[in-house]
């Protein structure tokens, strides 16, 4: 006689997606607005996945993203859950707080305006 646990079959594990919270998205969109006003960025895309939330920015819609701002909560206790990645996939900055991580992009805005 086989014993089968049907609990997992009746209620499959629901995978929640990682999202940006309202304050995080506000900080990102404020930076995005300033870069659009400076003529550096034109489009963005947001992806909410199981392990990561990604905000990608583009110079043109058909191109690869110039920057990706990623949120990975699993790295919260290690390197920090926020990261800014360049167009080539290189991690430009990683940290526990979003604003200092975004500062690497804001420095590029200061150079653009001058």
N, C-alpha and C. Protein backbone atom coordinates (compact mmCIF):
# COMPACT_ATOMS: atom_id res chain seq x y z
N UNK A 1 0.83 -1.17 0.00
CA UNK A 1 0.00 0.00 0.00
C UNK A 1 0.88 1.24 0.00
N UNK A 2 0.61 2.16 -0.92
CA UNK A 2 1.38 3.40 -1.02
C UNK A 2 0.64 4.52 -0.32
N UNK A 3 1.39 5.34 0.36
CA UNK A 3 0.82 6.52 1.00
C UNK A 3 1.26 7.73 0.19
N UNK A 4 0.29 8.52 -0.25
CA UNK A 4 0.58 9.70 -1.07
C UNK A 4 0.08 10.92 -0.33
N UNK A 5 0.94 11.88 -0.19
CA UNK A 5 0.55 13.14 0.44
C UNK A 5 -0.08 14.03 -0.62
N UNK A 6 -1.39 14.26 -0.51
CA UNK A 6 -2.08 15.06 -1.52
C UNK A 6 -2.14 16.53 -1.14
N UNK A 7 -1.60 16.90 -0.01
CA UNK A 7 -1.65 18.30 0.41
C UNK A 7 -0.96 19.20 -0.61
N UNK A 8 0.21 18.80 -1.08
CA UNK A 8 0.94 19.60 -2.06
C UNK A 8 0.26 19.60 -3.42
N UNK A 9 -0.49 18.58 -3.72
CA UNK A 9 -1.16 18.52 -5.01
C UNK A 9 -2.41 19.38 -5.02
N UNK A 10 -3.08 19.52 -3.89
CA UNK A 10 -4.29 20.34 -3.83
C UNK A 10 -3.97 21.83 -3.83
N UNK A 11 -2.92 22.20 -3.16
CA UNK A 11 -2.53 23.60 -3.06
C UNK A 11 -1.10 23.76 -3.56
N UNK A 12 -0.95 23.91 -4.85
CA UNK A 12 0.42 24.05 -5.36
C UNK A 12 1.07 25.31 -4.79
N UNK A 13 2.36 25.22 -4.61
CA UNK A 13 3.10 26.34 -4.05
C UNK A 13 2.99 27.54 -4.99
N UNK A 14 2.52 28.63 -4.47
CA UNK A 14 2.36 29.85 -5.26
C UNK A 14 3.67 30.63 -5.19
N UNK A 15 4.25 30.88 -6.34
CA UNK A 15 5.49 31.64 -6.41
C UNK A 15 5.14 33.12 -6.54
N UNK A 16 5.48 33.86 -5.52
CA UNK A 16 5.23 35.29 -5.59
C UNK A 16 6.35 35.95 -6.37
N UNK A 17 6.01 37.00 -7.07
CA UNK A 17 6.99 37.72 -7.85
C UNK A 17 7.59 38.83 -7.00
N UNK A 18 8.85 39.10 -7.25
CA UNK A 18 9.54 40.19 -6.57
C UNK A 18 9.15 41.48 -7.29
N UNK A 19 8.78 42.50 -6.53
CA UNK A 19 8.38 43.78 -7.10
C UNK A 19 9.11 44.92 -6.42
N UNK A 20 9.10 46.07 -7.06
CA UNK A 20 9.60 47.28 -6.43
C UNK A 20 8.46 47.87 -5.61
N UNK A 21 8.78 48.31 -4.41
CA UNK A 21 7.78 48.99 -3.59
C UNK A 21 7.60 50.41 -4.10
N UNK A 22 6.58 51.06 -3.63
CA UNK A 22 6.22 52.38 -4.13
C UNK A 22 7.36 53.40 -3.95
N UNK A 23 7.99 53.42 -2.78
CA UNK A 23 9.07 54.38 -2.54
C UNK A 23 10.30 54.07 -3.41
N UNK A 24 10.57 52.80 -3.62
CA UNK A 24 11.69 52.42 -4.49
C UNK A 24 11.41 52.86 -5.92
N UNK A 25 10.21 52.61 -6.39
CA UNK A 25 9.85 52.98 -7.75
C UNK A 25 9.84 54.50 -7.92
N UNK A 26 9.45 55.23 -6.88
CA UNK A 26 9.46 56.69 -6.93
C UNK A 26 10.88 57.20 -7.13
N UNK A 27 11.84 56.66 -6.38
CA UNK A 27 13.24 57.06 -6.52
C UNK A 27 13.76 56.77 -7.93
N UNK A 28 13.43 55.60 -8.43
CA UNK A 28 13.90 55.21 -9.77
C UNK A 28 13.27 56.09 -10.84
N UNK A 29 11.97 56.35 -10.73
CA UNK A 29 11.29 57.16 -11.75
C UNK A 29 11.69 58.63 -11.68
N UNK A 30 12.05 59.13 -10.50
CA UNK A 30 12.58 60.50 -10.41
C UNK A 30 13.89 60.62 -11.18
N UNK A 31 14.77 59.66 -11.00
CA UNK A 31 16.03 59.64 -11.75
C UNK A 31 15.75 59.49 -13.24
N UNK A 32 14.82 58.62 -13.59
CA UNK A 32 14.47 58.41 -14.99
C UNK A 32 13.97 59.72 -15.63
N UNK A 33 13.12 60.45 -14.92
CA UNK A 33 12.60 61.72 -15.43
C UNK A 33 13.70 62.74 -15.68
N UNK A 34 14.67 62.80 -14.78
CA UNK A 34 15.78 63.74 -14.96
C UNK A 34 16.64 63.35 -16.16
N UNK A 35 16.85 62.05 -16.35
CA UNK A 35 17.66 61.60 -17.48
C UNK A 35 16.92 61.79 -18.81
N UNK A 36 15.61 61.65 -18.81
CA UNK A 36 14.83 61.92 -20.02
C UNK A 36 14.90 63.40 -20.35
N UNK A 37 14.79 64.26 -19.33
CA UNK A 37 14.87 65.71 -19.55
C UNK A 37 16.25 66.11 -20.10
N UNK A 38 17.28 65.38 -19.70
CA UNK A 38 18.63 65.65 -20.20
C UNK A 38 18.86 65.05 -21.59
N UNK A 39 17.91 64.26 -22.07
CA UNK A 39 18.03 63.65 -23.40
C UNK A 39 18.85 62.38 -23.44
N UNK A 40 19.14 61.80 -22.29
CA UNK A 40 19.97 60.60 -22.23
C UNK A 40 19.16 59.31 -22.41
N UNK A 41 17.98 59.26 -21.85
CA UNK A 41 17.16 58.06 -21.89
C UNK A 41 15.84 58.36 -22.59
N UNK A 42 15.24 57.32 -23.20
CA UNK A 42 13.96 57.51 -23.87
C UNK A 42 12.89 56.50 -23.50
N UNK A 43 13.29 55.34 -23.01
CA UNK A 43 12.30 54.30 -22.75
C UNK A 43 12.76 53.46 -21.57
N UNK A 44 11.80 52.77 -20.96
CA UNK A 44 12.14 51.87 -19.86
C UNK A 44 11.25 50.64 -19.91
N UNK A 45 11.69 49.62 -19.21
CA UNK A 45 10.92 48.39 -19.09
C UNK A 45 11.06 47.85 -17.68
N UNK A 46 9.99 47.26 -17.17
CA UNK A 46 10.01 46.69 -15.83
C UNK A 46 9.65 45.21 -15.94
N UNK A 47 10.45 44.38 -15.30
CA UNK A 47 10.20 42.94 -15.26
C UNK A 47 10.12 42.50 -13.81
N UNK A 48 9.04 41.80 -13.47
CA UNK A 48 8.89 41.24 -12.13
C UNK A 48 8.96 39.73 -12.26
N UNK A 49 10.02 39.15 -11.72
CA UNK A 49 10.24 37.71 -11.82
C UNK A 49 10.20 37.08 -10.44
N UNK A 50 10.45 35.78 -10.36
CA UNK A 50 10.39 35.08 -9.08
C UNK A 50 11.50 35.50 -8.13
N UNK A 51 12.70 35.72 -8.64
CA UNK A 51 13.84 36.02 -7.78
C UNK A 51 14.36 37.43 -7.92
N UNK A 52 13.91 38.16 -8.92
CA UNK A 52 14.48 39.48 -9.18
C UNK A 52 13.43 40.40 -9.80
N UNK A 53 13.51 41.68 -9.45
CA UNK A 53 12.74 42.72 -10.12
C UNK A 53 13.75 43.58 -10.87
N UNK A 54 13.46 43.89 -12.13
CA UNK A 54 14.42 44.60 -12.98
C UNK A 54 13.75 45.82 -13.59
N UNK A 55 14.43 46.97 -13.47
CA UNK A 55 14.03 48.20 -14.16
C UNK A 55 15.12 48.47 -15.18
N UNK A 56 14.80 48.36 -16.46
CA UNK A 56 15.77 48.55 -17.54
C UNK A 56 15.52 49.87 -18.23
N UNK A 57 16.60 50.60 -18.56
CA UNK A 57 16.46 51.88 -19.26
C UNK A 57 17.16 51.79 -20.61
N UNK A 58 16.57 52.45 -21.59
CA UNK A 58 17.03 52.36 -22.97
C UNK A 58 17.24 53.75 -23.55
N UNK A 59 18.22 53.87 -24.43
CA UNK A 59 18.39 55.09 -25.22
C UNK A 59 17.37 55.07 -26.37
N UNK A 60 17.23 53.91 -26.99
CA UNK A 60 16.21 53.69 -28.02
C UNK A 60 15.50 52.38 -27.70
N UNK A 61 14.28 52.26 -28.12
CA UNK A 61 13.46 51.11 -27.76
C UNK A 61 14.04 49.79 -28.27
N UNK A 62 14.60 49.78 -29.45
CA UNK A 62 15.05 48.53 -30.07
C UNK A 62 16.43 48.08 -29.59
N UNK A 63 17.07 48.83 -28.72
CA UNK A 63 18.42 48.49 -28.28
C UNK A 63 18.41 47.65 -27.02
N UNK A 64 19.59 47.19 -26.65
CA UNK A 64 19.78 46.56 -25.35
C UNK A 64 19.76 47.66 -24.29
N UNK A 65 19.42 47.33 -23.06
CA UNK A 65 19.34 48.37 -22.03
C UNK A 65 20.71 48.98 -21.72
N UNK A 66 20.70 50.31 -21.48
CA UNK A 66 21.92 50.99 -21.05
C UNK A 66 22.26 50.60 -19.62
N UNK A 67 21.23 50.59 -18.78
CA UNK A 67 21.39 50.23 -17.37
C UNK A 67 20.25 49.32 -16.96
N UNK A 68 20.54 48.46 -15.98
CA UNK A 68 19.50 47.66 -15.34
C UNK A 68 19.63 47.88 -13.84
N UNK A 69 18.53 48.25 -13.22
CA UNK A 69 18.48 48.39 -11.77
C UNK A 69 17.77 47.16 -11.27
N UNK A 70 18.47 46.35 -10.48
CA UNK A 70 17.92 45.07 -10.04
C UNK A 70 17.72 45.03 -8.54
N UNK A 71 16.66 44.34 -8.15
CA UNK A 71 16.37 44.10 -6.74
C UNK A 71 16.32 42.59 -6.55
N UNK A 72 17.25 42.07 -5.74
CA UNK A 72 17.32 40.63 -5.44
C UNK A 72 17.29 40.45 -3.93
N UNK A 73 16.11 40.24 -3.35
CA UNK A 73 16.01 40.12 -1.89
C UNK A 73 16.83 38.98 -1.29
N UNK A 74 17.15 37.95 -2.05
CA UNK A 74 17.96 36.86 -1.51
C UNK A 74 19.36 37.31 -1.13
N UNK A 75 19.83 38.40 -1.75
CA UNK A 75 21.17 38.92 -1.45
C UNK A 75 21.15 39.99 -0.36
N UNK A 76 20.02 40.16 0.30
CA UNK A 76 19.86 41.21 1.30
C UNK A 76 20.93 41.14 2.39
N UNK A 77 21.22 39.95 2.89
CA UNK A 77 22.17 39.80 3.99
C UNK A 77 23.61 39.61 3.51
N UNK A 78 23.82 39.53 2.23
CA UNK A 78 25.17 39.32 1.71
C UNK A 78 25.73 40.62 1.15
N UNK A 79 25.53 40.86 -0.13
CA UNK A 79 26.12 42.02 -0.79
C UNK A 79 25.17 43.20 -0.87
N UNK A 80 23.93 43.00 -0.53
CA UNK A 80 22.91 44.03 -0.69
C UNK A 80 21.98 43.64 -1.81
N UNK A 81 20.71 43.98 -1.65
CA UNK A 81 19.74 43.49 -2.63
C UNK A 81 19.59 44.37 -3.86
N UNK A 82 20.19 45.56 -3.87
CA UNK A 82 20.08 46.44 -5.03
C UNK A 82 21.38 46.44 -5.81
N UNK A 83 21.26 46.50 -7.13
CA UNK A 83 22.45 46.54 -7.99
C UNK A 83 22.14 47.33 -9.24
N UNK A 84 23.13 48.07 -9.73
CA UNK A 84 23.05 48.74 -11.02
C UNK A 84 24.02 48.03 -11.94
N UNK A 85 23.50 47.57 -13.07
CA UNK A 85 24.31 46.83 -14.03
C UNK A 85 24.43 47.66 -15.30
N UNK A 86 25.60 47.65 -15.90
CA UNK A 86 25.84 48.36 -17.15
C UNK A 86 25.29 47.60 -18.35
N UNK A 87 25.47 48.19 -19.53
CA UNK A 87 24.93 47.57 -20.75
C UNK A 87 25.62 46.24 -21.06
N UNK A 88 26.83 46.05 -20.56
CA UNK A 88 27.56 44.82 -20.83
C UNK A 88 27.38 43.77 -19.74
N UNK A 89 26.52 44.04 -18.75
CA UNK A 89 26.27 43.10 -17.68
C UNK A 89 27.16 43.26 -16.47
N UNK A 90 28.08 44.22 -16.53
CA UNK A 90 28.99 44.46 -15.42
C UNK A 90 28.25 45.16 -14.28
N UNK A 91 28.49 44.72 -13.06
CA UNK A 91 27.87 45.35 -11.90
C UNK A 91 28.62 46.63 -11.60
N UNK A 92 27.93 47.78 -11.70
CA UNK A 92 28.56 49.06 -11.45
C UNK A 92 28.55 49.42 -9.97
N UNK A 93 27.48 49.06 -9.29
CA UNK A 93 27.39 49.32 -7.86
C UNK A 93 26.34 48.40 -7.26
N UNK A 94 26.60 47.96 -6.03
CA UNK A 94 25.69 47.08 -5.32
C UNK A 94 25.60 47.59 -3.89
N UNK A 95 24.42 47.47 -3.27
CA UNK A 95 24.31 47.92 -1.90
C UNK A 95 23.00 47.54 -1.24
N UNK A 96 22.90 47.93 0.02
CA UNK A 96 21.72 47.62 0.83
C UNK A 96 20.63 48.67 0.69
N UNK A 97 21.01 49.92 0.34
CA UNK A 97 20.04 51.00 0.17
C UNK A 97 20.02 51.43 -1.29
N UNK A 98 18.84 51.81 -1.77
CA UNK A 98 18.68 52.12 -3.19
C UNK A 98 19.33 53.44 -3.58
N UNK A 99 19.17 54.48 -2.77
CA UNK A 99 19.67 55.81 -3.17
C UNK A 99 21.18 55.82 -3.40
N UNK A 100 22.00 55.26 -2.50
CA UNK A 100 23.44 55.24 -2.80
C UNK A 100 23.79 54.41 -4.04
N UNK A 101 23.02 53.39 -4.31
CA UNK A 101 23.26 52.57 -5.50
C UNK A 101 22.94 53.37 -6.76
N UNK A 102 21.88 54.17 -6.72
CA UNK A 102 21.51 54.99 -7.87
C UNK A 102 22.48 56.15 -8.09
N UNK A 103 23.29 56.47 -7.09
CA UNK A 103 24.22 57.61 -7.21
C UNK A 103 25.23 57.40 -8.34
N UNK A 104 25.54 56.16 -8.67
CA UNK A 104 26.47 55.90 -9.77
C UNK A 104 25.89 56.40 -11.09
N UNK A 105 24.58 56.35 -11.26
CA UNK A 105 23.94 56.86 -12.47
C UNK A 105 23.78 58.37 -12.38
N UNK A 106 23.49 58.90 -11.20
CA UNK A 106 23.31 60.34 -11.03
C UNK A 106 24.59 61.10 -11.35
N UNK A 107 25.74 60.51 -11.08
CA UNK A 107 27.01 61.16 -11.42
C UNK A 107 27.12 61.34 -12.93
N UNK A 108 26.59 60.41 -13.69
CA UNK A 108 26.60 60.55 -15.14
C UNK A 108 25.69 61.69 -15.57
N UNK A 109 24.61 61.94 -14.83
CA UNK A 109 23.71 63.05 -15.13
C UNK A 109 24.41 64.38 -14.90
N UNK A 110 25.19 64.49 -13.84
CA UNK A 110 25.91 65.73 -13.55
C UNK A 110 26.90 66.02 -14.66
N UNK A 111 27.59 65.02 -15.17
CA UNK A 111 28.52 65.22 -16.28
C UNK A 111 27.78 65.65 -17.54
N UNK A 112 26.59 65.13 -17.75
CA UNK A 112 25.82 65.44 -18.94
C UNK A 112 25.35 66.88 -18.94
N UNK A 113 24.89 67.37 -17.79
CA UNK A 113 24.34 68.72 -17.70
C UNK A 113 25.43 69.77 -17.82
N UNK A 114 26.62 69.50 -17.27
CA UNK A 114 27.72 70.48 -17.34
C UNK A 114 28.12 70.67 -18.76
